[in-house]
Amino acid sequence: MKDEAFIRSIREKGAEAKEKARLEFSNISSEQLNWKPSPESWSIAQCLEHLIMADRCYFSNLKKIVEGTYKMSFWEKYSPFTAACGRIMKDQLQEQVKRKMIAPAKIRPSASEFKVGIIDRYHKSLDEFLEYISKCINIDIDKTIISSPTLQIVTYSLRDAFYFLIRHEHRHLNQAIRVKNYEAFPK
């Protein structure tokens, strides 16, 4: 169904993510952006890069959806697992980490160092993502089914995707804030 209130609430949650990133990371140095608490941990910049990569994976389909040219595949139309996959993704990708997960290779950030410009890139990517969400106000978000960009057999409704993707934003922003709050974080 079309759900203006849901779209508005997702947009608000996205705006909160943008403001959280602005407040926490607008005045940090390249050294701070790239600092990691341990070799296997992500830096603040890697958290932001991961979010950019994850969101952008959806842009192609979202563009087609808002333009009215999106065609669901046979699997997307008839998969008996769509609702279950949506529930699993919503459960796993919460703001507060229940269980640490390994990001799929397609959306895993590089190990190289990032410049401060990563913060602007993150804001621009999030703005674009939120604009696509806004344009879905007249879309049946329950009957529009998409596949995971990282594992095509996994399908879920657009409603479920918006729900878990916005929480995914906050999950990794919270992770980046935890990095910033380490005692050994460069001052």
C-alpha atoms as a PDB file:
ATOM      1  CA  MET A   1       0.000   0.000   0.000  1.00  0.00           C
ATOM      2  CA  LYS A   2       0.965   3.649  -0.314  1.00  0.00           C
ATOM      3  CA  ASP A   3       2.030   4.922   3.082  1.00  0.00           C
ATOM      4  CA  GLU A   4       2.848   8.619   3.296  1.00  0.00           C
ATOM      5  CA  ALA A   5       3.321   8.495   7.092  1.00  0.00           C
ATOM      6  CA  PHE A   6       5.848   5.649   6.824  1.00  0.00           C
ATOM      7  CA  ILE A   7       7.820   7.430   4.076  1.00  0.00           C
ATOM      8  CA  ARG A   8       7.834  10.600   6.174  1.00  0.00           C
ATOM      9  CA  SER A   9       9.064   8.702   9.265  1.00  0.00           C
ATOM     10  CA  ILE A  10      11.859   7.043   7.264  1.00  0.00           C
ATOM     11  CA  ARG A  11      12.892  10.430   5.862  1.00  0.00           C
ATOM     12  CA  GLU A  12      12.958  11.867   9.392  1.00  0.00           C
ATOM     13  CA  LYS A  13      15.102   8.972  10.614  1.00  0.00           C
ATOM     14  CA  GLY A  14      17.425   9.572   7.656  1.00  0.00           C
ATOM     15  CA  ALA A  15      17.652  13.277   8.489  1.00  0.00           C
ATOM     16  CA  GLU A  16      18.589  12.262  12.045  1.00  0.00           C
ATOM     17  CA  ALA A  17      21.420  10.138  10.618  1.00  0.00           C
ATOM     18  CA  LYS A  18      22.715  13.062   8.580  1.00  0.00           C
ATOM     19  CA  GLU A  19      22.606  15.373  11.603  1.00  0.00           C
ATOM     20  CA  LYS A  20      24.306  12.740  13.783  1.00  0.00           C
ATOM     21  CA  ALA A  21      27.151  12.464  11.260  1.00  0.00           C
ATOM     22  CA  ARG A  22      27.450  16.241  10.988  1.00  0.00           C
ATOM     23  CA  LEU A  23      27.579  16.746  14.759  1.00  0.00           C
ATOM     24  CA  GLU A  24      30.032  13.933  15.416  1.00  0.00           C
ATOM     25  CA  PHE A  25      32.424  14.097  12.465  1.00  0.00           C
ATOM     26  CA  SER A  26      32.438  17.576  10.916  1.00  0.00           C
ATOM     27  CA  ASN A  27      35.499  18.728  12.866  1.00  0.00           C
ATOM     28  CA  ILE A  28      37.769  15.709  12.791  1.00  0.00           C
ATOM     29  CA  SER A  29      41.123  15.326  11.068  1.00  0.00           C
ATOM     30  CA  SER A  30      42.208  12.799   8.451  1.00  0.00           C
ATOM     31  CA  GLU A  31      44.232  11.052  11.149  1.00  0.00           C
ATOM     32  CA  GLN A  32      41.126  10.730  13.331  1.00  0.00           C
ATOM     33  CA  LEU A  33      38.970   9.617  10.390  1.00  0.00           C
ATOM     34  CA  ASN A  34      41.368   6.781   9.584  1.00  0.00           C
ATOM     35  CA  TRP A  35      42.260   5.688  13.127  1.00  0.00           C
ATOM     36  CA  LYS A  36      41.207   2.147  14.054  1.00  0.00           C
ATOM     37  CA  PRO A  37      41.027   0.661  17.562  1.00  0.00           C
ATOM     38  CA  SER A  38      42.501  -2.585  16.182  1.00  0.00           C
ATOM     39  CA  PRO A  39      43.641  -3.885  12.789  1.00  0.00           C
ATOM     40  CA  GLU A  40      40.418  -5.864  12.259  1.00  0.00           C
ATOM     41  CA  SER A  41      38.135  -2.943  13.270  1.00  0.00           C
ATOM     42  CA  TRP A  42      36.815  -0.280  10.932  1.00  0.00           C
ATOM     43  CA  SER A  43      37.755   3.370  11.128  1.00  0.00           C
ATOM     44  CA  ILE A  44      35.176   6.164  11.060  1.00  0.00           C
ATOM     45  CA  ALA A  45      35.933   6.678   7.367  1.00  0.00           C
ATOM     46  CA  GLN A  46      35.428   2.983   6.613  1.00  0.00           C
ATOM     47  CA  CYS A  47      32.038   3.053   8.352  1.00  0.00           C
ATOM     48  CA  LEU A  48      31.005   6.009   6.177  1.00  0.00           C
ATOM     49  CA  GLU A  49      32.382   4.399   3.003  1.00  0.00           C
ATOM     50  CA  HIS A  50      30.446   1.207   3.784  1.00  0.00           C
ATOM     51  CA  LEU A  51      27.217   3.199   4.112  1.00  0.00           C
ATOM     52  CA  ILE A  52      27.849   4.994   0.818  1.00  0.00           C
ATOM     53  CA  MET A  53      28.489   1.678  -0.935  1.00  0.00           C
ATOM     54  CA  ALA A  54      25.491  -0.058   0.652  1.00  0.00           C
ATOM     55  CA  ASP A  55      23.032   2.726  -0.205  1.00  0.00           C
ATOM     56  CA  ARG A  56      24.320   3.174  -3.755  1.00  0.00           C
ATOM     57  CA  CYS A  57      23.677  -0.511  -4.488  1.00  0.00           C
ATOM     58  CA  TYR A  58      19.965   0.326  -4.386  1.00  0.00           C
ATOM     59  CA  PHE A  59      20.047   3.490  -6.506  1.00  0.00           C
ATOM     60  CA  SER A  60      19.589   1.797  -9.879  1.00  0.00           C
ATOM     61  CA  ASN A  61      16.414  -0.003  -8.810  1.00  0.00           C
ATOM     62  CA  LEU A  62      15.110   3.002  -6.895  1.00  0.00           C
ATOM     63  CA  LYS A  63      15.585   5.186  -9.971  1.00  0.00           C
ATOM     64  CA  LYS A  64      13.564   2.711 -12.054  1.00  0.00           C
ATOM     65  CA  ILE A  65      10.884   2.461  -9.348  1.00  0.00           C
ATOM     66  CA  VAL A  66      10.346   6.226  -9.122  1.00  0.00           C
ATOM     67  CA  GLU A  67      10.411   6.573 -12.936  1.00  0.00           C
ATOM     68  CA  GLY A  68       7.826   3.797 -13.272  1.00  0.00           C
ATOM     69  CA  THR A  69      10.092   1.568 -15.369  1.00  0.00           C
ATOM     70  CA  TYR A  70      10.897  -1.045 -12.715  1.00  0.00           C
ATOM     71  CA  LYS A  71       9.840  -4.583 -13.609  1.00  0.00           C
ATOM     72  CA  MET A  72       9.944  -7.250 -10.928  1.00  0.00           C
ATOM     73  CA  SER A  73      11.613 -10.495 -11.953  1.00  0.00           C
ATOM     74  CA  PHE A  74       9.740 -13.790 -11.821  1.00  0.00           C
ATOM     75  CA  TRP A  75      11.536 -14.601  -8.549  1.00  0.00           C
ATOM     76  CA  GLU A  76      10.664 -11.233  -7.020  1.00  0.00           C
ATOM     77  CA  LYS A  77       7.002 -11.736  -7.949  1.00  0.00           C
ATOM     78  CA  TYR A  78       6.678 -15.307  -6.690  1.00  0.00           C
ATOM     79  CA  SER A  79       9.347 -15.971  -4.071  1.00  0.00           C
ATOM     80  CA  PRO A  80       7.705 -17.615  -1.066  1.00  0.00           C
ATOM     81  CA  PHE A  81      10.499 -16.251   1.140  1.00  0.00           C
ATOM     82  CA  THR A  82      10.023 -12.491   0.647  1.00  0.00           C
ATOM     83  CA  ALA A  83       8.260 -11.813   3.960  1.00  0.00           C
ATOM     84  CA  ALA A  84      10.674 -14.045   5.898  1.00  0.00           C
ATOM     85  CA  CYS A  85      13.718 -12.406   4.294  1.00  0.00           C
ATOM     86  CA  GLY A  86      12.336  -8.977   5.171  1.00  0.00           C
ATOM     87  CA  ARG A  87      11.808 -10.004   8.805  1.00  0.00           C
ATOM     88  CA  ILE A  88      15.329 -11.450   9.022  1.00  0.00           C
ATOM     89  CA  MET A  89      16.929  -8.342   7.537  1.00  0.00           C
ATOM     90  CA  LYS A  90      14.940  -6.053   9.846  1.00  0.00           C
ATOM     91  CA  ASP A  91      15.974  -8.184  12.817  1.00  0.00           C
ATOM     92  CA  GLN A  92      19.661  -8.329  11.885  1.00  0.00           C
ATOM     93  CA  LEU A  93      20.192  -4.727  10.816  1.00  0.00           C
ATOM     94  CA  GLN A  94      19.057  -2.890  13.923  1.00  0.00           C
ATOM     95  CA  GLU A  95      20.571   0.353  15.183  1.00  0.00           C
ATOM     96  CA  GLN A  96      21.950  -1.362  18.261  1.00  0.00           C
ATOM     97  CA  VAL A  97      24.132  -4.342  17.457  1.00  0.00           C
ATOM     98  CA  LYS A  98      22.725  -7.650  18.661  1.00  0.00           C
ATOM     99  CA  ARG A  99      25.263  -9.677  16.753  1.00  0.00           C
ATOM    100  CA  LYS A 100      28.311  -8.556  14.811  1.00  0.00           C
ATOM    101  CA  MET A 101      28.033  -9.319  11.111  1.00  0.00           C
ATOM    102  CA  ILE A 102      30.529  -9.518   8.274  1.00  0.00           C
ATOM    103  CA  ALA A 103      29.708  -7.142   5.420  1.00  0.00           C
ATOM    104  CA  PRO A 104      29.374  -8.761   1.987  1.00  0.00           C
ATOM    105  CA  ALA A 105      32.462  -8.208  -0.175  1.00  0.00           C
ATOM    106  CA  LYS A 106      30.528  -5.955  -2.575  1.00  0.00           C
ATOM    107  CA  ILE A 107      29.963  -3.363   0.158  1.00  0.00           C
ATOM    108  CA  ARG A 108      33.084  -3.834   2.260  1.00  0.00           C
ATOM    109  CA  PRO A 109      35.191  -0.648   2.452  1.00  0.00           C
ATOM    110  CA  SER A 110      38.767  -0.583   1.273  1.00  0.00           C
ATOM    111  CA  ALA A 111      41.674  -0.647   3.674  1.00  0.00           C
ATOM    112  CA  SER A 112      43.190   2.502   2.182  1.00  0.00           C
ATOM    113  CA  GLU A 113      43.199   5.836   3.925  1.00  0.00           C
ATOM    114  CA  PHE A 114      40.415   8.328   3.263  1.00  0.00           C
ATOM    115  CA  LYS A 115      40.435  12.100   3.094  1.00  0.00           C
ATOM    116  CA  VAL A 116      38.104  14.366   5.067  1.00  0.00           C
ATOM    117  CA  GLY A 117      35.988  14.658   1.869  1.00  0.00           C
ATOM    118  CA  ILE A 118      34.460  11.275   2.744  1.00  0.00           C
ATOM    119  CA  ILE A 119      32.102  13.122   5.103  1.00  0.00           C
ATOM    120  CA  ASP A 120      30.734  15.273   2.261  1.00  0.00           C
ATOM    121  CA  ARG A 121      30.473  12.200   0.034  1.00  0.00           C
ATOM    122  CA  TYR A 122      28.477  10.466   2.763  1.00  0.00           C
ATOM    123  CA  HIS A 123      26.104  13.435   3.132  1.00  0.00           C
ATOM    124  CA  LYS A 124      25.563  13.654  -0.652  1.00  0.00           C
ATOM    125  CA  SER A 125      24.920   9.908  -0.898  1.00  0.00           C
ATOM    126  CA  LEU A 126      22.461  10.002   2.000  1.00  0.00           C
ATOM    127  CA  ASP A 127      20.701  13.030   0.466  1.00  0.00           C
ATOM    128  CA  GLU A 128      20.305  11.140  -2.817  1.00  0.00           C
ATOM    129  CA  PHE A 129      19.001   8.075  -0.994  1.00  0.00           C
ATOM    130  CA  LEU A 130      16.483  10.133   0.985  1.00  0.00           C
ATOM    131  CA  GLU A 131      15.347  11.856  -2.206  1.00  0.00           C
ATOM    132  CA  TYR A 132      14.576   8.455  -3.764  1.00  0.00           C
ATOM    133  CA  ILE A 133      12.661   7.486  -0.635  1.00  0.00           C
ATOM    134  CA  SER A 134      10.636  10.726  -0.828  1.00  0.00           C
ATOM    135  CA  LYS A 135       9.717  10.012  -4.429  1.00  0.00           C
ATOM    136  CA  CYS A 136       8.251   6.643  -3.405  1.00  0.00           C
ATOM    137  CA  ILE A 137       5.341   8.355  -1.659  1.00  0.00           C
ATOM    138  CA  ASN A 138       2.905   7.175  -4.367  1.00  0.00           C
ATOM    139  CA  ILE A 139       4.411   3.695  -4.719  1.00  0.00           C
ATOM    140  CA  ASP A 140       2.861   0.574  -3.215  1.00  0.00           C
ATOM    141  CA  ILE A 141       5.833  -0.174  -0.968  1.00  0.00           C
ATOM    142  CA  ASP A 142       4.381  -3.491   0.190  1.00  0.00           C
ATOM    143  CA  LYS A 143       3.824  -4.938  -3.274  1.00  0.00           C
ATOM    144  CA  THR A 144       7.039  -3.582  -4.785  1.00  0.00           C
ATOM    145  CA  ILE A 145       9.545  -6.377  -4.213  1.00  0.00           C
ATOM    146  CA  ILE A 146      13.275  -6.001  -4.788  1.00  0.00           C
ATOM    147  CA  SER A 147      16.233  -8.350  -4.579  1.00  0.00           C
ATOM    148  CA  SER A 148      19.224  -7.861  -2.356  1.00  0.00           C
ATOM    149  CA  PRO A 149      22.036  -6.313  -4.411  1.00  0.00           C
ATOM    150  CA  THR A 150      24.499  -8.615  -2.665  1.00  0.00           C
ATOM    151  CA  LEU A 151      22.539 -11.884  -2.895  1.00  0.00           C
ATOM    152  CA  GLN A 152      19.898 -11.958  -5.647  1.00  0.00           C
ATOM    153  CA  ILE A 153      17.970 -14.891  -4.168  1.00  0.00           C
ATOM    154  CA  VAL A 154      17.054 -12.748  -1.140  1.00  0.00           C
ATOM    155  CA  THR A 155      13.937 -10.647  -1.779  1.00  0.00           C
ATOM    156  CA  TYR A 156      12.001  -8.215   0.383  1.00  0.00           C
ATOM    157  CA  SER A 157       9.429  -5.473   0.054  1.00  0.00           C
ATOM    158  CA  LEU A 158      10.442  -1.888  -0.499  1.00  0.00           C
ATOM    159  CA  ARG A 159       8.909  -1.112   2.916  1.00  0.00           C
ATOM    160  CA  ASP A 160      11.193  -3.637   4.620  1.00  0.00           C
ATOM    161  CA  ALA A 161      14.211  -2.385   2.652  1.00  0.00           C
ATOM    162  CA  PHE A 162      13.616   1.230   3.687  1.00  0.00           C
ATOM    163  CA  TYR A 163      13.086   0.146   7.289  1.00  0.00           C
ATOM    164  CA  PHE A 164      16.315  -1.820   7.632  1.00  0.00           C
ATOM    165  CA  LEU A 165      18.478   0.436   5.459  1.00  0.00           C
ATOM    166  CA  ILE A 166      17.765   3.518   7.573  1.00  0.00           C
ATOM    167  CA  ARG A 167      18.507   1.544  10.727  1.00  0.00           C
ATOM    168  CA  HIS A 168      21.671   0.291   9.026  1.00  0.00           C
ATOM    169  CA  GLU A 169      22.721   3.953   8.661  1.00  0.00           C
ATOM    170  CA  HIS A 170      22.383   4.497  12.389  1.00  0.00           C
ATOM    171  CA  ARG A 171      24.029   1.156  13.207  1.00  0.00           C
ATOM    172  CA  HIS A 172      27.257   2.170  11.465  1.00  0.00           C
ATOM    173  CA  LEU A 173      27.142   5.773  12.607  1.00  0.00           C
ATOM    174  CA  ASN A 174      26.893   4.420  16.156  1.00  0.00           C
ATOM    175  CA  GLN A 175      29.865   2.167  15.375  1.00  0.00           C
ATOM    176  CA  ALA A 176      31.852   5.191  14.139  1.00  0.00           C
ATOM    177  CA  ILE A 177      30.920   7.144  17.277  1.00  0.00           C
ATOM    178  CA  ARG A 178      32.181   4.251  19.410  1.00  0.00           C
ATOM    179  CA  VAL A 179      35.504   4.480  17.532  1.00  0.00           C
ATOM    180  CA  LYS A 180      35.629   8.218  18.276  1.00  0.00           C
ATOM    181  CA  ASN A 181      34.933   7.547  21.969  1.00  0.00           C
ATOM    182  CA  TYR A 182      37.834   5.113  22.471  1.00  0.00           C
ATOM    183  CA  GLU A 183      40.275   6.335  25.070  1.00  0.00           C
ATOM    184  CA  ALA A 184      43.185   5.919  22.620  1.00  0.00           C
ATOM    185  CA  PHE A 185      41.428   7.930  19.882  1.00  0.00           C
ATOM    186  CA  PRO A 186      43.811  10.662  18.612  1.00  0.00           C
ATOM    187  CA  LYS A 187      43.098  14.097  20.076  1.00  0.00           C
END
